[in-house]
């Protein structure tokens, strides 16, 4: 299984970015994919997740109403549309596959982490 994250960059506060996570290697219909982020010197935090088969979505409180996670089944790709970006959103963003049956919100339920894509929001 391989995950390739892309779409990061430098943006001003209030701007938007769309991250992509392209998955390959196995069918994901039984799993969920999640986005996490890690700022310098901080732990890796949950951002959003989507159940591949049902389309159910989950968000951290800090991004609700600003970020939207979606999937393209044909392309095996998950997107994270980030609007109204704030300097506090600056971090490296990672995607991963939820392989265990615990909470969607905990990183230890995920595996096959992608390499990360850096998002910098200037004030």
N, C-alpha and C. Protein backbone atom coordinates (compact mmCIF):
# COMPACT_ATOMS: atom_id res chain seq x y z
N UNK A 1 0.85 -1.19 0.00
CA UNK A 1 0.00 0.00 0.00
C UNK A 1 0.89 1.25 0.00
N UNK A 2 0.53 2.18 -0.87
CA UNK A 2 1.27 3.44 -0.91
C UNK A 2 0.30 4.61 -0.96
N UNK A 3 0.62 5.64 -0.20
CA UNK A 3 -0.17 6.86 -0.22
C UNK A 3 0.74 8.01 -0.61
N UNK A 4 0.26 8.83 -1.54
CA UNK A 4 1.04 9.96 -2.02
C UNK A 4 0.24 11.24 -1.77
N UNK A 5 0.72 12.04 -0.83
CA UNK A 5 0.05 13.31 -0.51
C UNK A 5 0.68 14.44 -1.31
N UNK A 6 -0.16 15.38 -1.73
CA UNK A 6 0.33 16.52 -2.49
C UNK A 6 -0.63 17.70 -2.31
N UNK A 7 -0.20 18.86 -2.79
CA UNK A 7 -1.08 20.02 -2.79
C UNK A 7 -0.74 21.08 -1.77
N UNK A 8 0.24 20.83 -0.92
CA UNK A 8 0.61 21.82 0.07
C UNK A 8 1.27 23.03 -0.57
N UNK A 9 1.50 24.04 0.26
CA UNK A 9 2.15 25.24 -0.24
C UNK A 9 2.03 26.38 0.74
N UNK A 10 2.38 27.55 0.26
CA UNK A 10 2.33 28.77 1.07
C UNK A 10 1.10 29.58 0.64
N UNK A 11 0.30 29.98 1.62
CA UNK A 11 -0.91 30.74 1.33
C UNK A 11 -1.11 31.77 2.42
N UNK A 12 -1.76 32.86 2.07
CA UNK A 12 -2.06 33.88 3.07
C UNK A 12 -3.29 33.47 3.88
N UNK A 13 -3.36 34.01 5.08
CA UNK A 13 -4.52 33.76 5.93
C UNK A 13 -5.80 34.15 5.18
N UNK A 14 -6.81 33.29 5.31
CA UNK A 14 -8.05 33.49 4.59
C UNK A 14 -8.10 32.79 3.25
N UNK A 15 -6.97 32.30 2.81
CA UNK A 15 -6.90 31.63 1.51
C UNK A 15 -7.31 30.17 1.59
N UNK A 16 -7.14 29.48 0.46
CA UNK A 16 -7.57 28.09 0.34
C UNK A 16 -6.49 27.24 -0.30
N UNK A 17 -6.52 25.97 0.03
CA UNK A 17 -5.67 24.96 -0.61
C UNK A 17 -6.47 23.67 -0.70
N UNK A 18 -6.15 22.85 -1.67
CA UNK A 18 -6.74 21.52 -1.74
C UNK A 18 -5.63 20.49 -1.74
N UNK A 19 -5.64 19.64 -0.75
CA UNK A 19 -4.68 18.55 -0.65
C UNK A 19 -5.26 17.30 -1.28
N UNK A 20 -4.38 16.50 -1.87
CA UNK A 20 -4.77 15.23 -2.46
C UNK A 20 -3.98 14.11 -1.83
N UNK A 21 -4.61 12.96 -1.71
CA UNK A 21 -3.94 11.76 -1.22
C UNK A 21 -4.31 10.63 -2.17
N UNK A 22 -3.36 10.26 -3.02
CA UNK A 22 -3.58 9.19 -3.99
C UNK A 22 -3.14 7.87 -3.39
N UNK A 23 -4.04 6.90 -3.40
CA UNK A 23 -3.79 5.60 -2.78
C UNK A 23 -3.64 4.53 -3.85
N UNK A 24 -2.74 3.59 -3.62
CA UNK A 24 -2.54 2.50 -4.55
C UNK A 24 -2.15 1.25 -3.79
N UNK A 25 -2.36 0.11 -4.41
CA UNK A 25 -1.86 -1.13 -3.85
C UNK A 25 -2.92 -2.09 -3.36
N UNK A 26 -4.09 -1.60 -3.00
CA UNK A 26 -5.13 -2.50 -2.54
C UNK A 26 -6.48 -1.78 -2.61
N UNK A 27 -7.56 -2.52 -2.65
CA UNK A 27 -8.87 -1.85 -2.62
C UNK A 27 -9.16 -1.29 -1.24
N UNK A 28 -9.75 -0.13 -1.20
CA UNK A 28 -9.97 0.55 0.07
C UNK A 28 -11.44 0.58 0.49
N UNK A 29 -12.25 -0.22 -0.14
CA UNK A 29 -13.69 -0.16 0.11
C UNK A 29 -14.04 -0.50 1.55
N UNK A 30 -13.18 -1.23 2.26
CA UNK A 30 -13.49 -1.63 3.64
C UNK A 30 -12.84 -0.71 4.66
N UNK A 31 -12.21 0.33 4.22
CA UNK A 31 -11.41 1.15 5.12
C UNK A 31 -11.85 2.61 5.09
N UNK A 32 -11.17 3.38 5.91
CA UNK A 32 -11.32 4.83 5.89
C UNK A 32 -9.95 5.44 5.68
N UNK A 33 -9.93 6.62 5.13
CA UNK A 33 -8.69 7.37 5.01
C UNK A 33 -8.80 8.64 5.83
N UNK A 34 -7.72 8.98 6.46
CA UNK A 34 -7.74 10.16 7.32
C UNK A 34 -6.60 11.10 7.00
N UNK A 35 -6.80 12.34 7.39
CA UNK A 35 -5.76 13.37 7.34
C UNK A 35 -5.39 13.76 8.77
N UNK A 36 -4.10 13.84 9.00
CA UNK A 36 -3.56 14.32 10.26
C UNK A 36 -2.60 15.45 9.94
N UNK A 37 -2.25 16.22 10.94
CA UNK A 37 -1.25 17.27 10.74
C UNK A 37 -0.35 17.36 11.96
N UNK A 38 0.87 17.80 11.68
CA UNK A 38 1.86 17.92 12.74
C UNK A 38 2.61 19.22 12.57
N UNK A 39 2.46 20.10 13.54
CA UNK A 39 3.19 21.35 13.55
C UNK A 39 4.53 21.12 14.25
N UNK A 40 5.53 21.96 13.98
CA UNK A 40 6.84 21.79 14.61
C UNK A 40 6.74 21.74 16.13
N UNK A 41 7.35 20.71 16.70
CA UNK A 41 7.37 20.57 18.14
C UNK A 41 6.08 20.10 18.77
N UNK A 42 5.10 19.71 17.95
CA UNK A 42 3.81 19.27 18.47
C UNK A 42 3.51 17.86 18.03
N UNK A 43 2.49 17.29 18.64
CA UNK A 43 2.07 15.93 18.30
C UNK A 43 1.27 15.95 16.99
N UNK A 44 1.12 14.78 16.43
CA UNK A 44 0.33 14.62 15.21
C UNK A 44 -1.15 14.61 15.60
N UNK A 45 -1.90 15.52 15.04
CA UNK A 45 -3.30 15.69 15.40
C UNK A 45 -4.24 15.28 14.27
N UNK A 46 -5.36 14.74 14.64
CA UNK A 46 -6.40 14.38 13.68
C UNK A 46 -6.99 15.63 13.05
N UNK A 47 -7.27 15.55 11.74
CA UNK A 47 -7.91 16.64 11.02
C UNK A 47 -9.27 16.21 10.50
N UNK A 48 -9.28 15.15 9.70
CA UNK A 48 -10.53 14.69 9.09
C UNK A 48 -10.36 13.26 8.60
N UNK A 49 -11.47 12.56 8.45
CA UNK A 49 -11.45 11.20 7.91
C UNK A 49 -12.72 10.94 7.13
N UNK A 50 -12.64 9.99 6.22
CA UNK A 50 -13.80 9.61 5.43
C UNK A 50 -13.84 8.10 5.31
N UNK A 51 -15.01 7.53 5.56
CA UNK A 51 -15.21 6.10 5.37
C UNK A 51 -15.37 5.85 3.88
N UNK A 52 -14.53 4.97 3.35
CA UNK A 52 -14.47 4.85 1.90
C UNK A 52 -15.79 4.35 1.30
N UNK A 53 -16.43 3.40 1.96
CA UNK A 53 -17.62 2.81 1.36
C UNK A 53 -18.88 3.65 1.61
N UNK A 54 -19.03 4.16 2.84
CA UNK A 54 -20.26 4.88 3.16
C UNK A 54 -20.18 6.36 2.85
N UNK A 55 -18.96 6.88 2.81
CA UNK A 55 -18.80 8.32 2.61
C UNK A 55 -18.97 9.14 3.88
N UNK A 56 -19.18 8.48 5.02
CA UNK A 56 -19.31 9.22 6.27
C UNK A 56 -18.03 9.99 6.56
N UNK A 57 -18.19 11.19 7.08
CA UNK A 57 -17.02 12.04 7.33
C UNK A 57 -16.92 12.42 8.80
N UNK A 58 -15.71 12.71 9.20
CA UNK A 58 -15.41 13.05 10.59
C UNK A 58 -14.42 14.20 10.57
N UNK A 59 -14.60 15.17 11.49
CA UNK A 59 -13.74 16.34 11.50
C UNK A 59 -13.33 16.69 12.92
N UNK A 60 -12.12 17.24 13.02
CA UNK A 60 -11.71 17.85 14.27
C UNK A 60 -12.51 19.15 14.45
N UNK A 61 -12.79 19.49 15.69
CA UNK A 61 -13.58 20.70 15.96
C UNK A 61 -12.90 21.94 15.38
N UNK A 62 -11.59 21.95 15.36
CA UNK A 62 -10.85 23.13 14.92
C UNK A 62 -11.00 23.41 13.43
N UNK A 63 -11.45 22.43 12.66
CA UNK A 63 -11.55 22.63 11.21
C UNK A 63 -12.98 22.53 10.70
N UNK A 64 -13.92 22.19 11.56
CA UNK A 64 -15.32 22.07 11.12
C UNK A 64 -15.80 23.38 10.51
N UNK A 65 -16.47 23.26 9.38
CA UNK A 65 -16.98 24.44 8.70
C UNK A 65 -15.97 25.12 7.79
N UNK A 66 -14.71 24.72 7.88
CA UNK A 66 -13.66 25.30 7.02
C UNK A 66 -13.08 24.28 6.07
N UNK A 67 -12.93 23.05 6.54
CA UNK A 67 -12.32 21.98 5.74
C UNK A 67 -13.39 20.99 5.31
N UNK A 68 -13.19 20.42 4.13
CA UNK A 68 -14.09 19.38 3.63
C UNK A 68 -13.27 18.23 3.06
N UNK A 69 -13.57 17.03 3.53
CA UNK A 69 -12.90 15.84 3.01
C UNK A 69 -13.85 15.16 2.03
N UNK A 70 -13.29 14.65 0.94
CA UNK A 70 -14.09 13.96 -0.05
C UNK A 70 -13.23 12.88 -0.72
N UNK A 71 -13.87 12.04 -1.51
CA UNK A 71 -13.12 10.96 -2.17
C UNK A 71 -13.59 10.83 -3.61
N UNK A 72 -12.69 10.30 -4.42
CA UNK A 72 -13.00 9.96 -5.81
C UNK A 72 -12.69 8.48 -5.94
N UNK A 73 -13.73 7.66 -5.96
CA UNK A 73 -13.53 6.21 -5.99
C UNK A 73 -12.76 5.77 -7.23
N UNK A 74 -13.07 6.37 -8.35
CA UNK A 74 -12.44 5.95 -9.60
C UNK A 74 -10.94 6.22 -9.59
N UNK A 75 -10.55 7.29 -8.91
CA UNK A 75 -9.13 7.66 -8.88
C UNK A 75 -8.43 7.17 -7.62
N UNK A 76 -9.18 6.51 -6.73
CA UNK A 76 -8.59 6.07 -5.44
C UNK A 76 -7.89 7.23 -4.74
N UNK A 77 -8.54 8.36 -4.72
CA UNK A 77 -7.94 9.58 -4.18
C UNK A 77 -8.89 10.24 -3.19
N UNK A 78 -8.31 10.72 -2.12
CA UNK A 78 -9.05 11.49 -1.12
C UNK A 78 -8.54 12.92 -1.15
N UNK A 79 -9.45 13.86 -1.02
CA UNK A 79 -9.11 15.28 -1.06
C UNK A 79 -9.44 15.94 0.27
N UNK A 80 -8.69 16.98 0.57
CA UNK A 80 -8.99 17.81 1.71
C UNK A 80 -9.02 19.26 1.23
N UNK A 81 -10.22 19.79 1.08
CA UNK A 81 -10.38 21.17 0.69
C UNK A 81 -10.32 22.03 1.94
N UNK A 82 -9.37 22.94 1.96
CA UNK A 82 -9.15 23.78 3.14
C UNK A 82 -9.42 25.23 2.79
N UNK A 83 -10.44 25.78 3.41
CA UNK A 83 -10.81 27.17 3.18
C UNK A 83 -10.61 27.99 4.46
N UNK A 84 -10.62 29.29 4.30
CA UNK A 84 -10.46 30.20 5.45
C UNK A 84 -9.27 29.79 6.31
N UNK A 85 -8.16 29.55 5.67
CA UNK A 85 -6.98 29.07 6.39
C UNK A 85 -6.47 30.11 7.37
N UNK A 86 -5.96 29.59 8.47
CA UNK A 86 -5.44 30.42 9.55
C UNK A 86 -3.99 30.05 9.79
N UNK A 87 -3.19 30.98 10.35
CA UNK A 87 -1.79 30.63 10.66
C UNK A 87 -1.67 29.37 11.52
N UNK A 88 -2.67 29.12 12.36
CA UNK A 88 -2.65 27.94 13.22
C UNK A 88 -2.79 26.64 12.43
N UNK A 89 -3.16 26.73 11.16
CA UNK A 89 -3.26 25.53 10.32
C UNK A 89 -1.91 25.14 9.73
N UNK A 90 -0.89 25.95 9.96
CA UNK A 90 0.44 25.63 9.45
C UNK A 90 0.95 24.33 10.05
N UNK A 91 1.32 23.39 9.20
CA UNK A 91 1.76 22.07 9.65
C UNK A 91 2.13 21.24 8.43
N UNK A 92 2.71 20.09 8.69
CA UNK A 92 2.84 19.06 7.66
C UNK A 92 1.61 18.17 7.75
N UNK A 93 0.95 17.98 6.64
CA UNK A 93 -0.28 17.20 6.59
C UNK A 93 0.01 15.81 6.03
N UNK A 94 -0.48 14.81 6.74
CA UNK A 94 -0.27 13.42 6.36
C UNK A 94 -1.61 12.73 6.12
N UNK A 95 -1.62 11.81 5.17
CA UNK A 95 -2.79 10.95 5.02
C UNK A 95 -2.40 9.52 5.40
N UNK A 96 -3.39 8.76 5.81
CA UNK A 96 -3.15 7.41 6.27
C UNK A 96 -4.42 6.59 6.15
N UNK A 97 -4.26 5.28 6.18
CA UNK A 97 -5.39 4.36 6.10
C UNK A 97 -5.76 3.90 7.49
N UNK A 98 -7.04 3.99 7.83
CA UNK A 98 -7.51 3.47 9.12
C UNK A 98 -7.69 1.97 8.99
N UNK A 99 -6.82 1.21 9.64
CA UNK A 99 -6.82 -0.25 9.50
C UNK A 99 -7.40 -0.97 10.70
N UNK A 100 -7.56 -0.28 11.82
CA UNK A 100 -8.15 -0.88 13.01
C UNK A 100 -9.58 -0.35 13.17
N UNK A 101 -10.27 -0.87 14.18
CA UNK A 101 -11.70 -0.57 14.31
C UNK A 101 -12.01 0.36 15.46
N UNK A 102 -10.98 1.02 15.96
CA UNK A 102 -11.19 1.98 17.04
C UNK A 102 -11.62 3.33 16.51
N UNK A 103 -11.41 4.34 17.32
CA UNK A 103 -11.85 5.69 16.97
C UNK A 103 -11.21 6.19 15.68
N UNK A 104 -11.96 6.96 14.93
CA UNK A 104 -11.42 7.59 13.73
C UNK A 104 -10.42 8.68 14.09
N UNK A 105 -10.44 9.14 15.34
CA UNK A 105 -9.71 10.34 15.73
C UNK A 105 -8.29 10.09 16.23
N UNK A 106 -7.92 8.83 16.38
CA UNK A 106 -6.62 8.51 16.98
C UNK A 106 -5.66 7.95 15.95
N UNK A 107 -4.45 8.50 15.94
CA UNK A 107 -3.46 8.12 14.94
C UNK A 107 -3.06 6.66 15.03
N UNK A 108 -3.17 6.06 16.22
CA UNK A 108 -2.73 4.66 16.36
C UNK A 108 -3.70 3.68 15.69
N UNK A 109 -4.79 4.17 15.17
CA UNK A 109 -5.73 3.33 14.43
C UNK A 109 -5.40 3.31 12.93
N UNK A 110 -4.36 4.02 12.54
CA UNK A 110 -4.01 4.19 11.14
C UNK A 110 -2.65 3.60 10.83
N UNK A 111 -2.48 3.25 9.55
CA UNK A 111 -1.19 2.75 9.07
C UNK A 111 -0.99 3.26 7.64
N UNK A 112 0.12 2.85 7.04
CA UNK A 112 0.45 3.21 5.66
C UNK A 112 0.47 4.72 5.47
N UNK A 113 1.19 5.38 6.34
CA UNK A 113 1.24 6.84 6.29
C UNK A 113 1.96 7.30 5.02
N UNK A 114 1.42 8.34 4.41
CA UNK A 114 2.09 8.98 3.29
C UNK A 114 3.24 9.85 3.79
N UNK A 115 3.94 10.47 2.86
CA UNK A 115 5.14 11.21 3.20
C UNK A 115 4.87 12.60 3.74
N UNK A 116 3.67 13.10 3.63
CA UNK A 116 3.34 14.42 4.14
C UNK A 116 3.52 15.51 3.11
N UNK A 117 2.70 16.54 3.25
CA UNK A 117 2.82 17.72 2.40
C UNK A 117 2.70 18.95 3.30
N UNK A 118 3.57 19.90 3.08
CA UNK A 118 3.69 21.03 4.00
C UNK A 118 2.76 22.17 3.62
N UNK A 119 2.05 22.66 4.63
CA UNK A 119 1.15 23.79 4.45
C UNK A 119 1.63 24.92 5.37
N UNK A 120 1.84 26.07 4.78
CA UNK A 120 2.26 27.24 5.55
C UNK A 120 1.27 28.36 5.29
N UNK A 121 0.69 28.89 6.36
CA UNK A 121 -0.28 29.96 6.25
C UNK A 121 0.32 31.21 6.90
N UNK A 122 0.51 32.23 6.10
CA UNK A 122 1.10 33.46 6.62
C UNK A 122 0.02 34.43 7.07
N UNK A 123 0.35 35.22 8.08
CA UNK A 123 -0.64 36.17 8.63
C UNK A 123 -0.57 37.50 7.92
